[in-house]
Amino acid sequence: EVQLVESGGDLAQPGGSLRLSCATSGFTFDDAAIGWFRQAPGKEREGVSCSSIWGGRTNYADSVRGRFTVSSDSAKKTVYLQMNSLKPEDTAIYYCAAAIGVYECPSRFDYWGQGTQVTVSS
């Protein structure tokens, strides 16, 4: 059974930092792509990043490039999203998602976590 569990969401001040985790199980981690998405109230879900674990590449949305960094730990089957220089507009529920058995980041992700709330406010 594929499972994705996000954690690390919290309240942060503008300019602060948070580190989100996406713990995965139920599939071959090294042959997958993991994406981070977010959705703010009243807005559409948007992609934040995608990491092809198999391909060893990560791409970022323009809105977070230079501030957010993705890393992974294959032994722990976990992907991390380090968020620095946080802005109020980063406030959203953050989700991780998996595409299994792919070399490149896909347009579709079949498995999703439950989300973790990030709030950036003074």
N, C-alpha and C. Protein backbone atom coordinates (compact mmCIF):
# COMPACT_ATOMS: atom_id res chain seq x y z
N GLU A 1 0.84 -1.18 0.00
CA GLU A 1 0.00 0.00 0.00
C GLU A 1 0.89 1.24 0.00
N VAL A 2 0.64 2.13 -0.95
CA VAL A 2 1.41 3.36 -1.04
C VAL A 2 0.90 4.34 0.01
N GLN A 3 1.83 4.92 0.74
CA GLN A 3 1.49 5.94 1.72
C GLN A 3 2.47 7.09 1.65
N LEU A 4 1.94 8.31 1.77
CA LEU A 4 2.73 9.52 1.85
C LEU A 4 2.24 10.30 3.06
N VAL A 5 3.14 10.68 3.94
CA VAL A 5 2.78 11.38 5.16
C VAL A 5 3.63 12.63 5.29
N GLU A 6 2.98 13.79 5.21
CA GLU A 6 3.67 15.07 5.38
C GLU A 6 3.72 15.44 6.86
N SER A 7 4.74 16.17 7.23
CA SER A 7 4.85 16.71 8.57
C SER A 7 5.72 17.96 8.52
N GLY A 8 5.70 18.72 9.60
CA GLY A 8 6.56 19.88 9.73
C GLY A 8 5.88 21.21 9.55
N GLY A 9 4.62 21.22 9.13
CA GLY A 9 3.92 22.48 8.98
C GLY A 9 3.72 23.16 10.32
N ASP A 10 3.78 24.49 10.30
CA ASP A 10 3.70 25.24 11.54
C ASP A 10 3.43 26.70 11.23
N LEU A 11 3.38 27.50 12.27
CA LEU A 11 3.29 28.95 12.14
C LEU A 11 4.70 29.52 12.11
N ALA A 12 4.98 30.36 11.14
CA ALA A 12 6.28 31.00 11.02
C ALA A 12 6.09 32.48 10.74
N GLN A 13 7.07 33.27 11.14
CA GLN A 13 7.07 34.70 10.84
C GLN A 13 7.62 34.96 9.45
N PRO A 14 7.21 36.06 8.83
CA PRO A 14 7.84 36.43 7.56
C PRO A 14 9.36 36.49 7.70
N GLY A 15 10.05 35.91 6.74
CA GLY A 15 11.49 35.82 6.80
C GLY A 15 12.01 34.59 7.51
N GLY A 16 11.13 33.85 8.15
CA GLY A 16 11.52 32.66 8.87
C GLY A 16 11.66 31.45 7.98
N SER A 17 11.88 30.30 8.62
CA SER A 17 12.12 29.06 7.90
C SER A 17 11.32 27.92 8.50
N LEU A 18 10.97 26.97 7.66
CA LEU A 18 10.35 25.72 8.07
C LEU A 18 10.92 24.61 7.20
N ARG A 19 10.91 23.41 7.74
CA ARG A 19 11.33 22.23 6.99
C ARG A 19 10.21 21.21 7.01
N LEU A 20 9.68 20.91 5.85
CA LEU A 20 8.64 19.90 5.71
C LEU A 20 9.25 18.56 5.34
N SER A 21 8.61 17.50 5.78
CA SER A 21 9.03 16.15 5.45
C SER A 21 7.90 15.40 4.77
N CYS A 22 8.26 14.55 3.84
CA CYS A 22 7.32 13.64 3.19
C CYS A 22 7.87 12.24 3.32
N ALA A 23 7.34 11.49 4.25
CA ALA A 23 7.76 10.11 4.46
C ALA A 23 6.94 9.19 3.58
N THR A 24 7.62 8.33 2.84
CA THR A 24 6.93 7.47 1.87
C THR A 24 7.13 6.00 2.21
N SER A 25 6.19 5.20 1.73
CA SER A 25 6.29 3.75 1.88
C SER A 25 5.40 3.10 0.83
N GLY A 26 5.66 1.83 0.57
CA GLY A 26 4.81 1.06 -0.32
C GLY A 26 5.21 1.07 -1.79
N PHE A 27 6.37 1.64 -2.10
CA PHE A 27 6.86 1.63 -3.48
C PHE A 27 8.37 1.77 -3.48
N THR A 28 8.96 1.57 -4.64
CA THR A 28 10.41 1.69 -4.77
C THR A 28 10.78 3.16 -4.88
N PHE A 29 11.32 3.69 -3.81
CA PHE A 29 11.59 5.12 -3.71
C PHE A 29 12.52 5.61 -4.82
N ASP A 30 13.53 4.85 -5.12
CA ASP A 30 14.55 5.29 -6.08
C ASP A 30 14.05 5.33 -7.51
N ASP A 31 12.90 4.75 -7.78
CA ASP A 31 12.33 4.72 -9.13
C ASP A 31 11.07 5.57 -9.21
N ALA A 32 11.08 6.71 -8.56
CA ALA A 32 9.88 7.51 -8.47
C ALA A 32 10.20 8.99 -8.58
N ALA A 33 9.15 9.78 -8.72
CA ALA A 33 9.22 11.23 -8.64
C ALA A 33 8.30 11.70 -7.53
N ILE A 34 8.76 12.68 -6.77
CA ILE A 34 7.99 13.23 -5.68
C ILE A 34 7.78 14.72 -5.93
N GLY A 35 6.54 15.15 -5.89
CA GLY A 35 6.22 16.55 -6.06
C GLY A 35 5.68 17.17 -4.79
N TRP A 36 5.94 18.45 -4.63
CA TRP A 36 5.33 19.25 -3.57
C TRP A 36 4.33 20.20 -4.22
N PHE A 37 3.16 20.28 -3.63
CA PHE A 37 2.10 21.16 -4.09
C PHE A 37 1.57 21.95 -2.90
N ARG A 38 0.88 23.03 -3.19
CA ARG A 38 0.25 23.79 -2.11
C ARG A 38 -1.07 24.37 -2.60
N GLN A 39 -1.96 24.59 -1.65
CA GLN A 39 -3.24 25.18 -1.96
C GLN A 39 -3.64 26.14 -0.84
N ALA A 40 -3.83 27.39 -1.21
CA ALA A 40 -4.29 28.41 -0.28
C ALA A 40 -5.81 28.54 -0.39
N PRO A 41 -6.46 29.03 0.66
CA PRO A 41 -7.91 29.19 0.61
C PRO A 41 -8.35 30.05 -0.57
N GLY A 42 -9.32 29.56 -1.32
CA GLY A 42 -9.85 30.29 -2.44
C GLY A 42 -9.00 30.28 -3.69
N LYS A 43 -7.91 29.54 -3.68
CA LYS A 43 -7.02 29.47 -4.83
C LYS A 43 -6.88 28.04 -5.33
N GLU A 44 -6.47 27.92 -6.58
CA GLU A 44 -6.21 26.61 -7.14
C GLU A 44 -4.92 26.03 -6.58
N ARG A 45 -4.86 24.72 -6.59
CA ARG A 45 -3.64 24.05 -6.21
C ARG A 45 -2.52 24.39 -7.20
N GLU A 46 -1.34 24.64 -6.69
CA GLU A 46 -0.21 24.94 -7.55
C GLU A 46 0.98 24.05 -7.22
N GLY A 47 1.75 23.76 -8.22
CA GLY A 47 2.96 22.99 -8.02
C GLY A 47 4.05 23.85 -7.42
N VAL A 48 4.76 23.29 -6.47
CA VAL A 48 5.88 23.95 -5.81
C VAL A 48 7.20 23.44 -6.37
N SER A 49 7.33 22.13 -6.44
CA SER A 49 8.55 21.51 -6.93
C SER A 49 8.26 20.10 -7.36
N CYS A 50 9.18 19.54 -8.11
CA CYS A 50 9.14 18.12 -8.42
C CYS A 50 10.56 17.60 -8.45
N SER A 51 10.78 16.50 -7.76
CA SER A 51 12.07 15.84 -7.73
C SER A 51 11.95 14.45 -8.33
N SER A 52 12.71 14.21 -9.38
CA SER A 52 12.82 12.87 -9.92
C SER A 52 13.94 12.17 -9.16
N ILE A 53 13.55 11.28 -8.26
CA ILE A 53 14.55 10.56 -7.49
C ILE A 53 15.40 9.70 -8.42
N TRP A 54 14.74 9.05 -9.36
CA TRP A 54 15.42 8.21 -10.33
C TRP A 54 16.37 9.04 -11.20
N GLY A 55 15.86 10.15 -11.70
CA GLY A 55 16.66 11.00 -12.57
C GLY A 55 17.60 11.94 -11.86
N GLY A 56 17.40 12.16 -10.56
CA GLY A 56 18.29 13.00 -9.79
C GLY A 56 18.18 14.48 -10.09
N ARG A 57 17.01 14.94 -10.48
CA ARG A 57 16.80 16.35 -10.81
C ARG A 57 15.60 16.90 -10.08
N THR A 58 15.64 18.19 -9.81
CA THR A 58 14.54 18.89 -9.16
C THR A 58 14.24 20.17 -9.92
N ASN A 59 12.98 20.47 -10.11
CA ASN A 59 12.58 21.75 -10.65
C ASN A 59 11.66 22.46 -9.66
N TYR A 60 11.66 23.79 -9.73
CA TYR A 60 10.93 24.61 -8.78
C TYR A 60 10.02 25.59 -9.50
N ALA A 61 8.93 25.93 -8.85
CA ALA A 61 8.09 27.01 -9.34
C ALA A 61 8.84 28.34 -9.21
N ASP A 62 8.56 29.26 -10.11
CA ASP A 62 9.22 30.55 -10.07
C ASP A 62 9.02 31.26 -8.73
N SER A 63 7.85 31.06 -8.13
CA SER A 63 7.51 31.76 -6.90
C SER A 63 8.35 31.33 -5.71
N VAL A 64 9.00 30.17 -5.79
CA VAL A 64 9.77 29.67 -4.66
C VAL A 64 11.24 29.46 -4.99
N ARG A 65 11.60 29.56 -6.24
CA ARG A 65 12.98 29.31 -6.64
C ARG A 65 13.93 30.27 -5.92
N GLY A 66 14.99 29.72 -5.35
CA GLY A 66 15.94 30.50 -4.59
C GLY A 66 15.63 30.58 -3.12
N ARG A 67 14.41 30.24 -2.73
CA ARG A 67 14.02 30.26 -1.33
C ARG A 67 13.77 28.86 -0.78
N PHE A 68 13.22 27.99 -1.61
CA PHE A 68 12.90 26.62 -1.19
C PHE A 68 13.91 25.66 -1.81
N THR A 69 14.26 24.63 -1.06
CA THR A 69 15.21 23.63 -1.53
C THR A 69 14.71 22.24 -1.16
N VAL A 70 14.72 21.35 -2.14
CA VAL A 70 14.30 19.96 -1.92
C VAL A 70 15.54 19.09 -1.73
N SER A 71 15.45 18.20 -0.78
CA SER A 71 16.48 17.18 -0.60
C SER A 71 15.79 15.85 -0.31
N SER A 72 16.54 14.78 -0.36
CA SER A 72 15.95 13.47 -0.12
C SER A 72 16.94 12.57 0.60
N ASP A 73 16.38 11.59 1.28
CA ASP A 73 17.17 10.58 1.97
C ASP A 73 16.63 9.24 1.52
N SER A 74 17.36 8.59 0.64
CA SER A 74 16.89 7.34 0.07
C SER A 74 16.74 6.26 1.13
N ALA A 75 17.66 6.22 2.10
CA ALA A 75 17.59 5.22 3.15
C ALA A 75 16.32 5.36 3.98
N LYS A 76 15.90 6.59 4.23
CA LYS A 76 14.68 6.85 4.99
C LYS A 76 13.45 6.96 4.12
N LYS A 77 13.63 6.93 2.80
CA LYS A 77 12.52 7.07 1.85
C LYS A 77 11.72 8.34 2.15
N THR A 78 12.44 9.42 2.36
CA THR A 78 11.84 10.68 2.76
C THR A 78 12.36 11.82 1.90
N VAL A 79 11.45 12.71 1.54
CA VAL A 79 11.79 13.92 0.81
C VAL A 79 11.51 15.11 1.71
N TYR A 80 12.41 16.09 1.69
CA TYR A 80 12.31 17.26 2.53
C TYR A 80 12.14 18.50 1.67
N LEU A 81 11.40 19.45 2.20
CA LEU A 81 11.26 20.76 1.57
C LEU A 81 11.71 21.80 2.59
N GLN A 82 12.90 22.34 2.38
CA GLN A 82 13.42 23.41 3.22
C GLN A 82 12.91 24.74 2.69
N MET A 83 12.18 25.46 3.50
CA MET A 83 11.56 26.71 3.10
C MET A 83 12.20 27.84 3.89
N ASN A 84 12.89 28.72 3.19
CA ASN A 84 13.54 29.87 3.80
C ASN A 84 12.92 31.16 3.28
N SER A 85 13.20 32.24 3.98
CA SER A 85 12.70 33.56 3.58
C SER A 85 11.21 33.53 3.31
N LEU A 86 10.48 32.96 4.24
CA LEU A 86 9.04 32.75 4.05
C LEU A 86 8.30 34.07 3.94
N LYS A 87 7.27 34.06 3.11
CA LYS A 87 6.42 35.21 2.88
C LYS A 87 4.98 34.85 3.25
N PRO A 88 4.17 35.85 3.59
CA PRO A 88 2.76 35.54 3.88
C PRO A 88 2.06 34.79 2.75
N GLU A 89 2.43 35.06 1.51
CA GLU A 89 1.80 34.38 0.39
C GLU A 89 2.19 32.91 0.28
N ASP A 90 3.13 32.46 1.10
CA ASP A 90 3.45 31.04 1.17
C ASP A 90 2.45 30.27 2.03
N THR A 91 1.57 30.98 2.70
CA THR A 91 0.57 30.32 3.55
C THR A 91 -0.33 29.43 2.71
N ALA A 92 -0.40 28.16 3.07
CA ALA A 92 -1.18 27.18 2.32
C ALA A 92 -1.10 25.84 3.02
N ILE A 93 -1.92 24.92 2.57
CA ILE A 93 -1.73 23.52 2.91
C ILE A 93 -0.76 22.94 1.88
N TYR A 94 0.27 22.30 2.36
CA TYR A 94 1.30 21.72 1.50
C TYR A 94 1.11 20.21 1.43
N TYR A 95 1.13 19.70 0.22
CA TYR A 95 0.95 18.28 -0.04
C TYR A 95 2.17 17.73 -0.76
N CYS A 96 2.51 16.49 -0.49
CA CYS A 96 3.45 15.79 -1.34
C CYS A 96 2.70 14.73 -2.13
N ALA A 97 3.23 14.40 -3.28
CA ALA A 97 2.60 13.45 -4.18
C ALA A 97 3.67 12.62 -4.86
N ALA A 98 3.30 11.41 -5.26
CA ALA A 98 4.25 10.49 -5.86
C ALA A 98 3.76 9.97 -7.20
N ALA A 99 4.70 9.86 -8.11
CA ALA A 99 4.50 9.12 -9.35
C ALA A 99 5.51 7.99 -9.34
N ILE A 100 5.03 6.79 -9.52
CA ILE A 100 5.84 5.60 -9.30
C ILE A 100 6.36 5.05 -10.62
N GLY A 101 7.61 4.66 -10.62
CA GLY A 101 8.20 4.02 -11.78
C GLY A 101 8.44 4.94 -12.95
N VAL A 102 8.79 6.19 -12.67
CA VAL A 102 9.05 7.17 -13.72
C VAL A 102 10.45 7.73 -13.57
N TYR A 103 11.05 8.06 -14.69
CA TYR A 103 12.38 8.65 -14.69
C TYR A 103 12.33 10.17 -14.67
N GLU A 104 11.34 10.74 -15.33
CA GLU A 104 11.15 12.18 -15.37
C GLU A 104 9.93 12.58 -14.57
N CYS A 105 9.89 13.82 -14.12
CA CYS A 105 8.71 14.32 -13.43
C CYS A 105 7.53 14.33 -14.39
N PRO A 106 6.41 13.76 -13.99
CA PRO A 106 5.26 13.64 -14.88
C PRO A 106 4.29 14.80 -14.71
N SER A 107 3.28 14.81 -15.57
CA SER A 107 2.21 15.78 -15.43
C SER A 107 1.12 15.30 -14.48
N ARG A 108 1.14 14.04 -14.14
CA ARG A 108 0.13 13.45 -13.28
C ARG A 108 0.77 12.71 -12.12
N PHE A 109 0.24 12.93 -10.93
CA PHE A 109 0.67 12.21 -9.74
C PHE A 109 -0.52 11.43 -9.20
N ASP A 110 -0.31 10.16 -8.94
CA ASP A 110 -1.40 9.27 -8.59
C ASP A 110 -1.61 9.10 -7.09
N TYR A 111 -0.62 9.44 -6.29
CA TYR A 111 -0.70 9.23 -4.86
C TYR A 111 -0.39 10.52 -4.13
N TRP A 112 -1.20 10.80 -3.11
CA TRP A 112 -1.12 12.08 -2.40
C TRP A 112 -1.14 11.87 -0.90
N GLY A 113 -0.45 12.75 -0.19
CA GLY A 113 -0.53 12.77 1.26
C GLY A 113 -1.71 13.57 1.74
N GLN A 114 -1.83 13.69 3.04
CA GLN A 114 -2.98 14.36 3.64
C GLN A 114 -2.81 15.86 3.77
N GLY A 115 -1.60 16.35 3.63
CA GLY A 115 -1.32 17.77 3.71
C GLY A 115 -0.89 18.21 5.09
N THR A 116 -0.12 19.29 5.13
CA THR A 116 0.30 19.90 6.38
C THR A 116 0.20 21.41 6.23
N GLN A 117 -0.32 22.06 7.25
CA GLN A 117 -0.61 23.49 7.19
C GLN A 117 0.62 24.32 7.47
N VAL A 118 0.91 25.25 6.58
CA VAL A 118 1.96 26.25 6.78
C VAL A 118 1.30 27.62 6.83
N THR A 119 1.55 28.34 7.90
CA THR A 119 1.01 29.68 8.05
C THR A 119 2.15 30.65 8.31
N VAL A 120 2.24 31.69 7.50
CA VAL A 120 3.29 32.70 7.62
C VAL A 120 2.61 34.01 7.97
N SER A 121 2.84 34.48 9.17
CA SER A 121 2.17 35.67 9.65
C SER A 121 2.98 36.28 10.79
N SER A 122 2.92 37.59 10.89
CA SER A 122 3.56 38.28 11.99
C SER A 122 2.63 38.43 13.18
